[in-house]
N, C-alpha and C. Protein backbone atom coordinates (compact mmCIF):
# COMPACT_ATOMS: atom_id res chain seq x y z
N MET A 1 84.77 113.27 122.16
CA MET A 1 85.57 112.87 121.02
C MET A 1 87.03 112.80 121.45
N ILE A 2 87.70 111.73 121.08
CA ILE A 2 89.10 111.53 121.42
C ILE A 2 89.98 112.33 120.46
N PRO A 3 90.96 113.09 120.97
CA PRO A 3 91.85 113.81 120.06
C PRO A 3 92.59 112.84 119.14
N HIS A 4 93.05 113.36 117.99
CA HIS A 4 93.66 112.52 116.96
C HIS A 4 94.90 111.78 117.46
N HIS A 5 95.76 112.43 118.23
CA HIS A 5 96.98 111.76 118.69
C HIS A 5 96.67 110.66 119.72
N TRP A 6 95.60 110.81 120.49
CA TRP A 6 95.22 109.74 121.43
C TRP A 6 94.69 108.53 120.67
N ASN A 7 94.04 108.79 119.53
CA ASN A 7 93.57 107.69 118.70
C ASN A 7 94.75 106.84 118.23
N SER A 8 95.84 107.49 117.86
CA SER A 8 97.04 106.77 117.42
C SER A 8 97.58 105.90 118.55
N TYR A 9 97.67 106.46 119.74
CA TYR A 9 98.19 105.69 120.87
C TYR A 9 97.28 104.51 121.23
N LEU A 10 95.98 104.71 121.12
CA LEU A 10 95.05 103.61 121.41
C LEU A 10 95.21 102.47 120.41
N VAL A 11 95.41 102.78 119.14
CA VAL A 11 95.59 101.75 118.13
C VAL A 11 96.90 101.01 118.37
N ILE A 12 97.96 101.72 118.70
CA ILE A 12 99.25 101.09 118.96
C ILE A 12 99.17 100.17 120.18
N ILE A 13 98.56 100.65 121.25
CA ILE A 13 98.43 99.83 122.46
C ILE A 13 97.54 98.62 122.19
N THR A 14 96.45 98.81 121.44
CA THR A 14 95.58 97.69 121.11
C THR A 14 96.32 96.64 120.27
N SER A 15 97.17 97.09 119.36
CA SER A 15 97.92 96.13 118.55
C SER A 15 98.88 95.32 119.42
N PHE A 16 99.46 95.95 120.44
CA PHE A 16 100.33 95.21 121.36
C PHE A 16 99.52 94.24 122.21
N ILE A 17 98.31 94.61 122.61
CA ILE A 17 97.46 93.70 123.39
C ILE A 17 97.09 92.48 122.56
N VAL A 18 96.74 92.69 121.29
CA VAL A 18 96.42 91.56 120.40
C VAL A 18 97.65 90.67 120.24
N ALA A 19 98.83 91.27 120.09
CA ALA A 19 100.06 90.49 119.95
C ALA A 19 100.35 89.69 121.22
N LEU A 20 100.08 90.27 122.39
CA LEU A 20 100.27 89.53 123.64
C LEU A 20 99.32 88.35 123.74
N VAL A 21 98.08 88.54 123.29
CA VAL A 21 97.12 87.43 123.30
C VAL A 21 97.58 86.33 122.36
N LEU A 22 98.07 86.70 121.17
CA LEU A 22 98.57 85.70 120.23
C LEU A 22 99.82 85.01 120.76
N ALA A 23 100.58 85.69 121.60
CA ALA A 23 101.81 85.11 122.16
C ALA A 23 101.50 83.99 123.16
N VAL A 24 100.34 84.02 123.77
CA VAL A 24 100.00 82.99 124.76
C VAL A 24 98.83 82.11 124.31
N TYR A 25 98.37 82.30 123.08
CA TYR A 25 97.28 81.48 122.56
C TYR A 25 97.74 80.03 122.53
N PRO A 26 96.92 79.10 123.04
CA PRO A 26 97.37 77.70 123.13
C PRO A 26 97.57 77.07 121.75
N LEU A 27 98.68 76.39 121.62
CA LEU A 27 99.02 75.64 120.41
C LEU A 27 99.33 74.20 120.81
N PRO A 28 99.25 73.25 119.88
CA PRO A 28 99.68 71.89 120.19
C PRO A 28 101.17 71.86 120.57
N LEU A 29 101.56 70.89 121.38
CA LEU A 29 102.94 70.82 121.87
C LEU A 29 103.96 70.71 120.74
N ASP A 30 103.60 70.05 119.65
CA ASP A 30 104.53 69.91 118.54
C ASP A 30 104.84 71.25 117.87
N TRP A 31 103.93 72.20 117.98
CA TRP A 31 104.10 73.49 117.31
C TRP A 31 104.65 74.57 118.22
N ARG A 32 104.89 74.30 119.47
CA ARG A 32 105.26 75.35 120.43
C ARG A 32 106.56 76.05 120.05
N TRP A 33 107.49 75.33 119.42
CA TRP A 33 108.75 75.97 119.02
C TRP A 33 108.57 76.87 117.80
N TRP A 34 107.51 76.67 117.04
CA TRP A 34 107.32 77.39 115.79
C TRP A 34 106.42 78.61 115.93
N ARG A 35 106.04 78.97 117.14
CA ARG A 35 105.18 80.14 117.34
C ARG A 35 105.95 81.41 116.97
N PRO A 36 105.40 82.22 116.06
CA PRO A 36 106.07 83.49 115.72
C PRO A 36 106.10 84.43 116.92
N GLU A 37 107.07 85.29 116.95
CA GLU A 37 107.19 86.29 118.02
C GLU A 37 106.34 87.50 117.66
N PHE A 38 105.04 87.43 117.95
CA PHE A 38 104.09 88.46 117.53
C PHE A 38 104.38 89.81 118.18
N VAL A 39 104.73 89.83 119.44
CA VAL A 39 105.00 91.10 120.12
C VAL A 39 106.21 91.76 119.48
N LEU A 40 107.22 91.00 119.20
CA LEU A 40 108.42 91.54 118.56
C LEU A 40 108.10 92.04 117.15
N LEU A 41 107.27 91.33 116.40
CA LEU A 41 106.89 91.77 115.06
C LEU A 41 106.13 93.08 115.09
N VAL A 42 105.22 93.23 116.05
CA VAL A 42 104.47 94.48 116.18
C VAL A 42 105.41 95.62 116.56
N ALA A 43 106.33 95.36 117.47
CA ALA A 43 107.30 96.39 117.87
C ALA A 43 108.18 96.80 116.69
N ILE A 44 108.64 95.83 115.92
CA ILE A 44 109.47 96.14 114.75
C ILE A 44 108.69 96.97 113.74
N PHE A 45 107.43 96.63 113.53
CA PHE A 45 106.62 97.40 112.58
C PHE A 45 106.48 98.85 113.03
N TRP A 46 106.06 99.07 114.28
CA TRP A 46 105.83 100.45 114.73
C TRP A 46 107.12 101.25 114.76
N ILE A 47 108.22 100.60 115.08
CA ILE A 47 109.49 101.32 115.08
C ILE A 47 109.95 101.64 113.66
N SER A 48 109.73 100.72 112.73
CA SER A 48 110.16 100.98 111.36
C SER A 48 109.29 102.04 110.68
N VAL A 49 108.03 102.12 111.04
CA VAL A 49 107.14 103.09 110.42
C VAL A 49 107.19 104.43 111.16
N PHE A 50 107.13 104.40 112.48
CA PHE A 50 107.14 105.61 113.31
C PHE A 50 108.20 105.47 114.39
N PRO A 51 109.46 105.73 114.06
CA PRO A 51 110.56 105.41 114.99
C PRO A 51 110.54 106.18 116.30
N LEU A 52 109.93 107.33 116.35
CA LEU A 52 109.95 108.11 117.59
C LEU A 52 108.64 108.00 118.36
N THR A 53 107.74 107.12 117.93
CA THR A 53 106.44 106.99 118.58
C THR A 53 106.51 106.12 119.83
N ILE A 54 107.29 105.06 119.79
CA ILE A 54 107.33 104.10 120.88
C ILE A 54 108.64 104.24 121.64
N SER A 55 108.55 104.36 122.94
CA SER A 55 109.76 104.49 123.75
C SER A 55 110.28 103.12 124.16
N LEU A 56 111.55 103.06 124.45
CA LEU A 56 112.15 101.82 124.93
C LEU A 56 111.61 101.45 126.30
N PHE A 57 111.23 102.45 127.10
CA PHE A 57 110.62 102.18 128.41
C PHE A 57 109.29 101.45 128.24
N PHE A 58 108.47 101.89 127.28
CA PHE A 58 107.19 101.23 127.02
C PHE A 58 107.43 99.79 126.58
N LEU A 59 108.41 99.57 125.70
CA LEU A 59 108.70 98.21 125.23
C LEU A 59 109.24 97.34 126.36
N CYS A 60 110.00 97.93 127.26
CA CYS A 60 110.48 97.19 128.42
C CYS A 60 109.29 96.74 129.29
N PHE A 61 108.33 97.62 129.47
CA PHE A 61 107.13 97.29 130.23
C PHE A 61 106.33 96.18 129.54
N VAL A 62 106.18 96.28 128.22
CA VAL A 62 105.47 95.24 127.46
C VAL A 62 106.20 93.91 127.61
N GLY A 63 107.54 93.93 127.54
CA GLY A 63 108.31 92.71 127.70
C GLY A 63 108.16 92.09 129.08
N LEU A 64 108.13 92.93 130.12
CA LEU A 64 107.91 92.41 131.47
C LEU A 64 106.52 91.80 131.62
N TYR A 65 105.55 92.43 130.99
CA TYR A 65 104.20 91.88 131.03
C TYR A 65 104.13 90.55 130.28
N GLN A 66 104.84 90.46 129.16
CA GLN A 66 104.88 89.20 128.42
C GLN A 66 105.56 88.11 129.24
N ASP A 67 106.59 88.48 130.01
CA ASP A 67 107.23 87.51 130.90
C ASP A 67 106.24 86.96 131.92
N LEU A 68 105.43 87.86 132.48
CA LEU A 68 104.42 87.41 133.45
C LEU A 68 103.38 86.51 132.80
N LEU A 69 102.96 86.84 131.59
CA LEU A 69 101.96 86.02 130.91
C LEU A 69 102.48 84.63 130.56
N GLU A 70 103.73 84.57 130.10
CA GLU A 70 104.27 83.29 129.65
C GLU A 70 104.93 82.49 130.77
N GLY A 71 105.17 83.11 131.91
CA GLY A 71 105.77 82.41 133.03
C GLY A 71 107.25 82.09 132.83
N VAL A 72 107.96 82.98 132.18
CA VAL A 72 109.40 82.79 131.96
C VAL A 72 110.15 83.69 132.94
N PRO A 73 111.46 83.51 133.07
CA PRO A 73 112.22 84.37 133.99
C PRO A 73 112.01 85.85 133.68
N PHE A 74 111.85 86.62 134.73
CA PHE A 74 111.52 88.04 134.63
C PHE A 74 112.64 88.81 133.94
N GLY A 75 112.31 89.49 132.87
CA GLY A 75 113.27 90.31 132.14
C GLY A 75 113.72 89.71 130.82
N GLN A 76 113.35 88.48 130.56
CA GLN A 76 113.79 87.81 129.33
C GLN A 76 113.29 88.53 128.08
N HIS A 77 112.00 88.77 127.98
CA HIS A 77 111.46 89.43 126.81
C HIS A 77 111.80 90.91 126.78
N SER A 78 111.91 91.52 127.94
CA SER A 78 112.29 92.94 127.98
C SER A 78 113.67 93.15 127.38
N LEU A 79 114.60 92.30 127.76
CA LEU A 79 115.95 92.41 127.23
C LEU A 79 115.95 92.23 125.71
N SER A 80 115.24 91.24 125.23
CA SER A 80 115.16 90.99 123.78
C SER A 80 114.50 92.15 123.04
N LEU A 81 113.39 92.65 123.58
CA LEU A 81 112.69 93.76 122.93
C LEU A 81 113.54 95.02 122.86
N VAL A 82 114.23 95.33 123.94
CA VAL A 82 115.04 96.55 123.96
C VAL A 82 116.23 96.43 123.00
N ILE A 83 116.87 95.27 122.96
CA ILE A 83 118.01 95.09 122.05
C ILE A 83 117.56 95.22 120.60
N VAL A 84 116.51 94.51 120.23
CA VAL A 84 116.02 94.55 118.86
C VAL A 84 115.48 95.93 118.51
N SER A 85 114.81 96.59 119.43
CA SER A 85 114.28 97.92 119.17
C SER A 85 115.39 98.93 118.94
N TYR A 86 116.46 98.82 119.70
CA TYR A 86 117.58 99.72 119.51
C TYR A 86 118.20 99.52 118.12
N ILE A 87 118.34 98.27 117.70
CA ILE A 87 118.87 97.99 116.35
C ILE A 87 117.92 98.52 115.29
N CYS A 88 116.62 98.38 115.51
CA CYS A 88 115.64 98.90 114.55
C CYS A 88 115.68 100.43 114.46
N ILE A 89 115.84 101.08 115.59
CA ILE A 89 115.92 102.54 115.58
C ILE A 89 117.16 103.00 114.81
N LEU A 90 118.24 102.27 114.93
CA LEU A 90 119.46 102.64 114.21
C LEU A 90 119.37 102.38 112.71
N SER A 91 118.53 101.42 112.29
CA SER A 91 118.54 101.01 110.89
C SER A 91 117.22 101.21 110.15
N TYR A 92 116.26 101.90 110.73
CA TYR A 92 114.94 101.97 110.10
C TYR A 92 114.96 102.68 108.75
N GLN A 93 115.85 103.64 108.55
CA GLN A 93 115.87 104.37 107.28
C GLN A 93 116.30 103.47 106.12
N ARG A 94 117.23 102.57 106.36
CA ARG A 94 117.65 101.64 105.31
C ARG A 94 116.58 100.57 105.07
N VAL A 95 115.99 100.08 106.14
CA VAL A 95 115.04 98.97 106.02
C VAL A 95 113.75 99.41 105.33
N ARG A 96 113.39 100.68 105.45
CA ARG A 96 112.18 101.18 104.77
C ARG A 96 112.24 100.97 103.27
N ASN A 97 113.43 100.95 102.70
CA ASN A 97 113.60 100.83 101.25
C ASN A 97 113.77 99.39 100.78
N PHE A 98 113.73 98.44 101.68
CA PHE A 98 113.90 97.04 101.31
C PHE A 98 112.65 96.51 100.63
N ALA A 99 112.84 95.52 99.76
CA ALA A 99 111.71 94.76 99.23
C ALA A 99 111.18 93.88 100.37
N ILE A 100 109.97 93.38 100.20
CA ILE A 100 109.33 92.63 101.29
C ILE A 100 110.12 91.36 101.63
N TRP A 101 110.75 90.72 100.65
CA TRP A 101 111.52 89.50 100.95
C TRP A 101 112.80 89.84 101.70
N LYS A 102 113.38 91.02 101.42
CA LYS A 102 114.56 91.44 102.19
C LYS A 102 114.16 91.81 103.61
N GLU A 103 112.97 92.40 103.75
CA GLU A 103 112.47 92.69 105.10
C GLU A 103 112.28 91.40 105.88
N ALA A 104 111.77 90.37 105.22
CA ALA A 104 111.57 89.08 105.89
C ALA A 104 112.91 88.49 106.33
N CYS A 105 113.93 88.63 105.51
CA CYS A 105 115.28 88.17 105.92
C CYS A 105 115.78 88.98 107.11
N TRP A 106 115.52 90.27 107.10
CA TRP A 106 115.92 91.14 108.21
C TRP A 106 115.17 90.74 109.48
N ILE A 107 113.90 90.39 109.34
CA ILE A 107 113.12 89.92 110.48
C ILE A 107 113.72 88.64 111.04
N PHE A 108 114.15 87.73 110.16
CA PHE A 108 114.79 86.50 110.62
C PHE A 108 116.02 86.82 111.47
N VAL A 109 116.82 87.77 111.01
CA VAL A 109 118.03 88.15 111.77
C VAL A 109 117.65 88.78 113.10
N LEU A 110 116.69 89.70 113.09
CA LEU A 110 116.30 90.39 114.33
C LEU A 110 115.69 89.44 115.35
N VAL A 111 114.79 88.59 114.91
CA VAL A 111 114.16 87.65 115.85
C VAL A 111 115.18 86.62 116.31
N GLY A 112 116.09 86.24 115.43
CA GLY A 112 117.18 85.34 115.85
C GLY A 112 118.05 85.98 116.91
N LEU A 113 118.34 87.28 116.75
CA LEU A 113 119.09 88.00 117.78
C LEU A 113 118.30 88.09 119.08
N ALA A 114 116.99 88.24 118.96
CA ALA A 114 116.15 88.30 120.16
C ALA A 114 116.10 86.96 120.87
N GLN A 115 116.24 85.87 120.13
CA GLN A 115 116.19 84.55 120.73
C GLN A 115 117.47 84.23 121.51
N LEU A 116 118.57 84.84 121.13
CA LEU A 116 119.83 84.56 121.82
C LEU A 116 119.80 84.94 123.30
N PRO A 117 119.41 86.18 123.67
CA PRO A 117 119.33 86.47 125.11
C PRO A 117 118.28 85.62 125.83
N GLY A 118 117.17 85.32 125.12
CA GLY A 118 116.15 84.46 125.72
C GLY A 118 116.69 83.07 126.00
N ASN A 119 117.45 82.53 125.08
CA ASN A 119 118.07 81.22 125.27
C ASN A 119 119.11 81.27 126.39
N TRP A 120 119.84 82.37 126.46
CA TRP A 120 120.84 82.54 127.53
C TRP A 120 120.16 82.61 128.90
N VAL A 121 119.08 83.38 128.99
CA VAL A 121 118.36 83.49 130.27
C VAL A 121 117.77 82.15 130.66
N GLN A 122 117.24 81.41 129.70
CA GLN A 122 116.68 80.09 130.01
C GLN A 122 117.76 79.14 130.51
N SER A 123 118.96 79.20 129.92
CA SER A 123 120.04 78.32 130.38
C SER A 123 120.52 78.73 131.77
N MET A 124 120.51 80.03 132.07
CA MET A 124 120.88 80.49 133.41
C MET A 124 119.86 80.07 134.45
N ALA A 125 118.61 79.88 134.02
CA ALA A 125 117.55 79.44 134.92
C ALA A 125 117.57 77.92 135.12
N GLY A 126 118.49 77.23 134.44
CA GLY A 126 118.62 75.80 134.63
C GLY A 126 117.79 74.95 133.70
N ARG A 127 117.20 75.56 132.68
CA ARG A 127 116.41 74.79 131.72
C ARG A 127 117.33 74.28 130.62
N PRO A 128 117.07 73.08 130.09
CA PRO A 128 117.95 72.52 129.06
C PRO A 128 117.88 73.32 127.76
N LEU A 129 119.01 73.42 127.07
CA LEU A 129 119.06 74.11 125.79
C LEU A 129 118.50 73.21 124.69
N SER A 130 118.01 73.82 123.63
CA SER A 130 117.34 73.07 122.58
C SER A 130 118.14 72.99 121.29
N GLY A 131 119.40 73.27 121.32
CA GLY A 131 120.20 73.27 120.10
C GLY A 131 119.82 74.46 119.22
N LEU A 132 119.72 74.22 117.93
CA LEU A 132 119.34 75.30 117.01
C LEU A 132 117.84 75.45 116.86
N LEU A 133 117.08 74.66 117.59
CA LEU A 133 115.62 74.75 117.51
C LEU A 133 115.12 76.10 118.03
N PHE A 134 115.95 76.81 118.79
CA PHE A 134 115.51 78.11 119.29
C PHE A 134 115.38 79.13 118.15
N LEU A 135 115.89 78.82 116.96
CA LEU A 135 115.74 79.71 115.81
C LEU A 135 114.44 79.47 115.04
N ALA A 136 113.67 78.47 115.44
CA ALA A 136 112.40 78.18 114.76
C ALA A 136 111.44 79.38 114.80
N PRO A 137 111.30 80.09 115.93
CA PRO A 137 110.43 81.28 115.91
C PRO A 137 110.92 82.35 114.95
N ALA A 138 112.23 82.45 114.76
CA ALA A 138 112.76 83.43 113.81
C ALA A 138 112.34 83.07 112.39
N PHE A 139 112.39 81.79 112.07
CA PHE A 139 111.98 81.35 110.74
C PHE A 139 110.48 81.57 110.52
N SER A 140 109.67 81.18 111.49
CA SER A 140 108.22 81.35 111.33
C SER A 140 107.82 82.83 111.34
N SER A 141 108.54 83.64 112.11
CA SER A 141 108.26 85.08 112.11
C SER A 141 108.60 85.70 110.76
N ALA A 142 109.70 85.25 110.15
CA ALA A 142 110.08 85.76 108.83
C ALA A 142 109.05 85.33 107.78
N LEU A 143 108.51 84.12 107.91
CA LEU A 143 107.50 83.67 106.96
C LEU A 143 106.20 84.44 107.08
N ILE A 144 105.83 84.80 108.30
CA ILE A 144 104.55 85.48 108.51
C ILE A 144 104.67 87.01 108.38
N TRP A 145 105.88 87.53 108.29
CA TRP A 145 106.10 88.97 108.24
C TRP A 145 105.32 89.67 107.12
N PRO A 146 105.30 89.16 105.87
CA PRO A 146 104.53 89.89 104.84
C PRO A 146 103.07 90.07 105.20
N LEU A 147 102.46 89.06 105.81
CA LEU A 147 101.06 89.18 106.23
C LEU A 147 100.91 90.20 107.36
N VAL A 148 101.78 90.13 108.34
CA VAL A 148 101.73 91.09 109.46
C VAL A 148 101.95 92.50 108.95
N ARG A 149 102.90 92.68 108.05
CA ARG A 149 103.19 94.01 107.49
C ARG A 149 101.98 94.55 106.75
N MET A 150 101.32 93.71 105.95
CA MET A 150 100.15 94.15 105.20
C MET A 150 99.01 94.55 106.14
N LEU A 151 98.74 93.72 107.15
CA LEU A 151 97.66 94.03 108.09
C LEU A 151 97.94 95.29 108.90
N MET A 152 99.18 95.44 109.33
CA MET A 152 99.53 96.63 110.13
C MET A 152 99.54 97.90 109.27
N ASP A 153 99.95 97.79 108.00
CA ASP A 153 99.87 98.94 107.10
C ASP A 153 98.42 99.38 106.89
N ARG A 154 97.55 98.41 106.70
CA ARG A 154 96.12 98.74 106.56
C ARG A 154 95.58 99.40 107.82
N LEU A 155 95.97 98.86 108.96
CA LEU A 155 95.51 99.42 110.23
C LEU A 155 95.98 100.86 110.40
N SER A 156 97.24 101.12 110.11
CA SER A 156 97.77 102.47 110.29
C SER A 156 97.16 103.44 109.27
N ARG A 157 96.87 102.97 108.06
CA ARG A 157 96.22 103.85 107.08
C ARG A 157 94.77 104.11 107.45
N HIS A 158 94.09 103.06 107.92
CA HIS A 158 92.67 103.21 108.25
C HIS A 158 92.46 104.23 109.38
N TYR A 159 93.31 104.18 110.39
CA TYR A 159 93.18 105.08 111.53
C TYR A 159 94.02 106.33 111.39
N ARG A 160 94.68 106.49 110.24
CA ARG A 160 95.49 107.69 109.94
C ARG A 160 96.48 107.98 111.07
N ILE A 161 97.25 106.98 111.39
CA ILE A 161 98.23 107.12 112.46
C ILE A 161 99.43 107.89 111.95
N THR A 162 99.78 108.96 112.65
CA THR A 162 100.91 109.79 112.24
C THR A 162 101.90 109.93 113.37
């Protein structure tokens, strides 16, 4: 029998694995800019619900693994994850009291902030900039946040994650 705290860690790691799979799931070329940032959404959820459960080192490792999966410059997602996670750790007490639509607006801001270093790293790698289209994942992530929040809340209640 797995101890209760190991069960929590297994559920958290499994949720990140599912988010990584969704991050590289093939989409039509027209939709590639609109893919929500699933890994970032899962990280924001776990930090907002259990702020001391996930370390920044773990998120840096997840970001590096996402870089390898997506074939982008090494460190791009790690930098974004660590920046957004630090902001979430500083503000989780206020955000817990937000209505779901305010949380979605907050998600838009956080994912938009995460897209800025990613866009900067891509431009340093010599890839052309896309104008304001780089904010499309922030918009789609904000739209999908209520669904992600509901599913993750059910998951954490079902497995009694503390």
